[in-house]
């Protein structure tokens, strides 16, 4: 196993830094968005991955990935208005640590960048490494366009 680092492009969000942080640091906010079509889009883009049984609360979410097992993601650290750190657990054959970094641009604009450290076997890295690189940018794009409120 070796750790690979993936960093998204920096995205500009047209909302206040505190609002963005409060929204993203609560997985309950993401649950309704995921269940209203994002999971289906992921399945269409990567047909070999089927996500089912998605559940979340404020600090964690869990779901099954067909053929791989139960995935659990926990928010392990919140640095108000700046950083959200997320770690994976469960039965998947990989380990993830993920950061959402936020910086104010103006009182109503926030820069966001995502960083993913994935502990992958060489075989899994060869299979999904490029997909993770694309996926981190797609996730950043999706998070930048959420209906923050």
C-alpha atoms as a PDB file:
ATOM      1  CA  UNK A   1       0.000   0.000   0.000  1.00  0.00           C
ATOM      2  CA  UNK A   2       1.185   3.487  -0.766  1.00  0.00           C
ATOM      3  CA  UNK A   3      -0.335   6.902  -0.217  1.00  0.00           C
ATOM      4  CA  UNK A   4      -1.294   8.877  -3.312  1.00  0.00           C
ATOM      5  CA  UNK A   5      -2.236  12.550  -3.203  1.00  0.00           C
ATOM      6  CA  UNK A   6      -4.924  14.116  -5.406  1.00  0.00           C
ATOM      7  CA  UNK A   7      -5.661  17.858  -5.345  1.00  0.00           C
ATOM      8  CA  UNK A   8      -8.598  19.532  -7.056  1.00  0.00           C
ATOM      9  CA  UNK A   9      -8.565  22.737  -9.010  1.00  0.00           C
ATOM     10  CA  UNK A  10      -9.465  25.747  -6.870  1.00  0.00           C
ATOM     11  CA  UNK A  11     -13.150  26.633  -7.228  1.00  0.00           C
ATOM     12  CA  UNK A  12     -14.884  29.922  -6.517  1.00  0.00           C
ATOM     13  CA  UNK A  13     -18.149  29.707  -4.593  1.00  0.00           C
ATOM     14  CA  UNK A  14     -20.457  32.726  -4.684  1.00  0.00           C
ATOM     15  CA  UNK A  15     -21.318  32.528  -0.991  1.00  0.00           C
ATOM     16  CA  UNK A  16     -19.945  33.622   2.369  1.00  0.00           C
ATOM     17  CA  UNK A  17     -17.172  31.443   3.851  1.00  0.00           C
ATOM     18  CA  UNK A  18     -19.082  30.752   7.087  1.00  0.00           C
ATOM     19  CA  UNK A  19     -22.211  29.681   5.188  1.00  0.00           C
ATOM     20  CA  UNK A  20     -20.199  27.330   2.972  1.00  0.00           C
ATOM     21  CA  UNK A  21     -18.368  25.848   5.971  1.00  0.00           C
ATOM     22  CA  UNK A  22     -21.571  25.343   7.986  1.00  0.00           C
ATOM     23  CA  UNK A  23     -23.265  23.623   5.038  1.00  0.00           C
ATOM     24  CA  UNK A  24     -20.370  21.317   4.090  1.00  0.00           C
ATOM     25  CA  UNK A  25     -19.499  20.385   7.672  1.00  0.00           C
ATOM     26  CA  UNK A  26     -22.910  18.755   8.190  1.00  0.00           C
ATOM     27  CA  UNK A  27     -23.414  15.536   6.221  1.00  0.00           C
ATOM     28  CA  UNK A  28     -27.182  15.802   6.723  1.00  0.00           C
ATOM     29  CA  UNK A  29     -27.142  18.699   4.227  1.00  0.00           C
ATOM     30  CA  UNK A  30     -25.408  16.537   1.654  1.00  0.00           C
ATOM     31  CA  UNK A  31     -27.717  13.571   2.179  1.00  0.00           C
ATOM     32  CA  UNK A  32     -30.736  15.092   0.460  1.00  0.00           C
ATOM     33  CA  UNK A  33     -28.578  16.268  -2.427  1.00  0.00           C
ATOM     34  CA  UNK A  34     -26.948  12.859  -2.877  1.00  0.00           C
ATOM     35  CA  UNK A  35     -30.232  11.026  -2.693  1.00  0.00           C
ATOM     36  CA  UNK A  36     -31.820  13.300  -5.318  1.00  0.00           C
ATOM     37  CA  UNK A  37     -29.651  12.194  -8.200  1.00  0.00           C
ATOM     38  CA  UNK A  38     -25.926  12.459  -7.517  1.00  0.00           C
ATOM     39  CA  UNK A  39     -25.596   8.763  -6.623  1.00  0.00           C
ATOM     40  CA  UNK A  40     -27.401   7.878  -9.849  1.00  0.00           C
ATOM     41  CA  UNK A  41     -25.001  10.094 -11.856  1.00  0.00           C
ATOM     42  CA  UNK A  42     -22.000   8.364 -10.268  1.00  0.00           C
ATOM     43  CA  UNK A  43     -23.444   4.980 -11.212  1.00  0.00           C
ATOM     44  CA  UNK A  44     -23.985   6.142 -14.814  1.00  0.00           C
ATOM     45  CA  UNK A  45     -20.422   7.452 -15.112  1.00  0.00           C
ATOM     46  CA  UNK A  46     -18.810   4.418 -13.478  1.00  0.00           C
ATOM     47  CA  UNK A  47     -21.238   1.517 -14.123  1.00  0.00           C
ATOM     48  CA  UNK A  48     -19.114  -1.017 -12.234  1.00  0.00           C
ATOM     49  CA  UNK A  49     -19.745   0.970  -9.029  1.00  0.00           C
ATOM     50  CA  UNK A  50     -23.238   0.823  -7.585  1.00  0.00           C
ATOM     51  CA  UNK A  51     -23.886   2.760  -4.375  1.00  0.00           C
ATOM     52  CA  UNK A  52     -26.824   1.691  -2.217  1.00  0.00           C
ATOM     53  CA  UNK A  53     -28.202   2.126   1.304  1.00  0.00           C
ATOM     54  CA  UNK A  54     -26.892   5.672   1.794  1.00  0.00           C
ATOM     55  CA  UNK A  55     -27.448   7.015   5.343  1.00  0.00           C
ATOM     56  CA  UNK A  56     -26.027  10.034   7.105  1.00  0.00           C
ATOM     57  CA  UNK A  57     -26.071  12.133  10.236  1.00  0.00           C
ATOM     58  CA  UNK A  58     -24.254  15.364  11.073  1.00  0.00           C
ATOM     59  CA  UNK A  59     -20.815  13.746  11.487  1.00  0.00           C
ATOM     60  CA  UNK A  60     -20.820  10.667   9.268  1.00  0.00           C
ATOM     61  CA  UNK A  61     -22.304   8.843   6.339  1.00  0.00           C
ATOM     62  CA  UNK A  62     -22.263   5.216   5.300  1.00  0.00           C
ATOM     63  CA  UNK A  63     -23.206   3.328   2.173  1.00  0.00           C
ATOM     64  CA  UNK A  64     -22.625   0.037   0.388  1.00  0.00           C
ATOM     65  CA  UNK A  65     -20.583  -0.229  -2.778  1.00  0.00           C
ATOM     66  CA  UNK A  66     -21.546  -3.355  -4.692  1.00  0.00           C
ATOM     67  CA  UNK A  67     -18.622  -5.754  -4.859  1.00  0.00           C
ATOM     68  CA  UNK A  68     -16.492  -3.782  -2.392  1.00  0.00           C
ATOM     69  CA  UNK A  69     -18.496  -3.583   0.823  1.00  0.00           C
ATOM     70  CA  UNK A  70     -19.532  -1.028   3.416  1.00  0.00           C
ATOM     71  CA  UNK A  71     -17.964   2.419   3.295  1.00  0.00           C
ATOM     72  CA  UNK A  72     -18.136   4.849   6.166  1.00  0.00           C
ATOM     73  CA  UNK A  73     -16.924   8.451   6.082  1.00  0.00           C
ATOM     74  CA  UNK A  74     -16.542  10.505   9.253  1.00  0.00           C
ATOM     75  CA  UNK A  75     -15.826  14.179   9.796  1.00  0.00           C
ATOM     76  CA  UNK A  76     -12.928  13.962  12.235  1.00  0.00           C
ATOM     77  CA  UNK A  77     -11.966  17.638  12.509  1.00  0.00           C
ATOM     78  CA  UNK A  78     -13.600  20.985  11.900  1.00  0.00           C
ATOM     79  CA  UNK A  79     -11.493  24.129  11.959  1.00  0.00           C
ATOM     80  CA  UNK A  80     -14.250  26.763  11.844  1.00  0.00           C
ATOM     81  CA  UNK A  81     -14.691  28.382   8.497  1.00  0.00           C
ATOM     82  CA  UNK A  82     -11.341  27.062   7.138  1.00  0.00           C
ATOM     83  CA  UNK A  83     -10.983  23.275   7.037  1.00  0.00           C
ATOM     84  CA  UNK A  84     -13.068  20.115   7.227  1.00  0.00           C
ATOM     85  CA  UNK A  85     -11.135  16.843   7.592  1.00  0.00           C
ATOM     86  CA  UNK A  86     -12.823  13.587   6.658  1.00  0.00           C
ATOM     87  CA  UNK A  87     -11.578   9.988   7.070  1.00  0.00           C
ATOM     88  CA  UNK A  88     -12.890   6.711   5.742  1.00  0.00           C
ATOM     89  CA  UNK A  89     -13.475   3.450   7.550  1.00  0.00           C
ATOM     90  CA  UNK A  90     -15.478   0.329   6.855  1.00  0.00           C
ATOM     91  CA  UNK A  91     -14.621  -2.773   4.877  1.00  0.00           C
ATOM     92  CA  UNK A  92     -13.260  -1.188   1.681  1.00  0.00           C
ATOM     93  CA  UNK A  93      -9.786  -2.232   0.475  1.00  0.00           C
ATOM     94  CA  UNK A  94      -8.531   1.353   0.670  1.00  0.00           C
ATOM     95  CA  UNK A  95      -8.159   4.154   3.171  1.00  0.00           C
ATOM     96  CA  UNK A  96      -8.955   7.824   2.494  1.00  0.00           C
ATOM     97  CA  UNK A  97      -8.207  11.094   4.260  1.00  0.00           C
ATOM     98  CA  UNK A  98      -9.872  14.090   2.688  1.00  0.00           C
ATOM     99  CA  UNK A  99      -9.695  17.837   3.347  1.00  0.00           C
ATOM    100  CA  UNK A 100     -11.998  20.621   2.233  1.00  0.00           C
ATOM    101  CA  UNK A 101     -10.110  23.904   2.463  1.00  0.00           C
ATOM    102  CA  UNK A 102     -11.917  27.249   2.377  1.00  0.00           C
ATOM    103  CA  UNK A 103     -10.514  30.768   2.018  1.00  0.00           C
ATOM    104  CA  UNK A 104     -12.436  34.041   1.880  1.00  0.00           C
ATOM    105  CA  UNK A 105     -12.080  36.133  -1.274  1.00  0.00           C
ATOM    106  CA  UNK A 106     -14.687  38.782  -0.475  1.00  0.00           C
ATOM    107  CA  UNK A 107     -17.483  38.818   2.139  1.00  0.00           C
ATOM    108  CA  UNK A 108     -19.622  36.925  -0.407  1.00  0.00           C
ATOM    109  CA  UNK A 109     -17.084  34.740  -2.215  1.00  0.00           C
ATOM    110  CA  UNK A 110     -15.094  31.734  -1.025  1.00  0.00           C
ATOM    111  CA  UNK A 111     -12.287  29.762  -2.639  1.00  0.00           C
ATOM    112  CA  UNK A 112     -12.453  26.002  -2.127  1.00  0.00           C
ATOM    113  CA  UNK A 113      -9.874  23.294  -2.776  1.00  0.00           C
ATOM    114  CA  UNK A 114     -10.114  19.579  -2.070  1.00  0.00           C
ATOM    115  CA  UNK A 115      -7.175  17.357  -1.158  1.00  0.00           C
ATOM    116  CA  UNK A 116      -7.398  13.572  -1.025  1.00  0.00           C
ATOM    117  CA  UNK A 117      -4.782  11.193   0.387  1.00  0.00           C
ATOM    118  CA  UNK A 118      -5.644   7.628  -0.599  1.00  0.00           C
ATOM    119  CA  UNK A 119      -3.788   4.593   0.740  1.00  0.00           C
ATOM    120  CA  UNK A 120      -4.087   2.213  -2.212  1.00  0.00           C
ATOM    121  CA  UNK A 121      -2.556  -1.066  -3.229  1.00  0.00           C
ATOM    122  CA  UNK A 122      -0.617  -0.874  -6.496  1.00  0.00           C
ATOM    123  CA  UNK A 123      -3.324  -2.868  -8.294  1.00  0.00           C
ATOM    124  CA  UNK A 124      -6.132  -0.580  -7.114  1.00  0.00           C
ATOM    125  CA  UNK A 125      -4.034   2.492  -7.911  1.00  0.00           C
ATOM    126  CA  UNK A 126      -3.541   1.293 -11.493  1.00  0.00           C
ATOM    127  CA  UNK A 127      -7.273   0.625 -11.818  1.00  0.00           C
ATOM    128  CA  UNK A 128      -8.684   3.799 -10.240  1.00  0.00           C
ATOM    129  CA  UNK A 129      -5.832   6.319  -9.910  1.00  0.00           C
ATOM    130  CA  UNK A 130      -6.801   8.373 -12.955  1.00  0.00           C
ATOM    131  CA  UNK A 131     -10.499   8.124 -12.011  1.00  0.00           C
ATOM    132  CA  UNK A 132      -9.688   9.552  -8.557  1.00  0.00           C
ATOM    133  CA  UNK A 133      -7.877  12.449 -10.198  1.00  0.00           C
ATOM    134  CA  UNK A 134     -10.917  13.168 -12.389  1.00  0.00           C
ATOM    135  CA  UNK A 135     -13.297  12.482  -9.521  1.00  0.00           C
ATOM    136  CA  UNK A 136     -11.712  14.984  -7.118  1.00  0.00           C
ATOM    137  CA  UNK A 137     -12.212  17.729  -9.707  1.00  0.00           C
ATOM    138  CA  UNK A 138     -15.782  16.634 -10.425  1.00  0.00           C
ATOM    139  CA  UNK A 139     -16.523  16.625  -6.698  1.00  0.00           C
ATOM    140  CA  UNK A 140     -15.049  20.121  -6.344  1.00  0.00           C
ATOM    141  CA  UNK A 141     -17.213  21.310  -9.232  1.00  0.00           C
ATOM    142  CA  UNK A 142     -20.308  19.738  -7.672  1.00  0.00           C
ATOM    143  CA  UNK A 143     -19.626  21.183  -4.213  1.00  0.00           C
ATOM    144  CA  UNK A 144     -19.018  24.629  -5.692  1.00  0.00           C
ATOM    145  CA  UNK A 145     -22.494  24.634  -7.235  1.00  0.00           C
ATOM    146  CA  UNK A 146     -24.546  23.329  -4.282  1.00  0.00           C
ATOM    147  CA  UNK A 147     -27.574  25.381  -3.211  1.00  0.00           C
ATOM    148  CA  UNK A 148     -25.970  26.908  -0.109  1.00  0.00           C
ATOM    149  CA  UNK A 149     -28.587  28.319   2.280  1.00  0.00           C
END
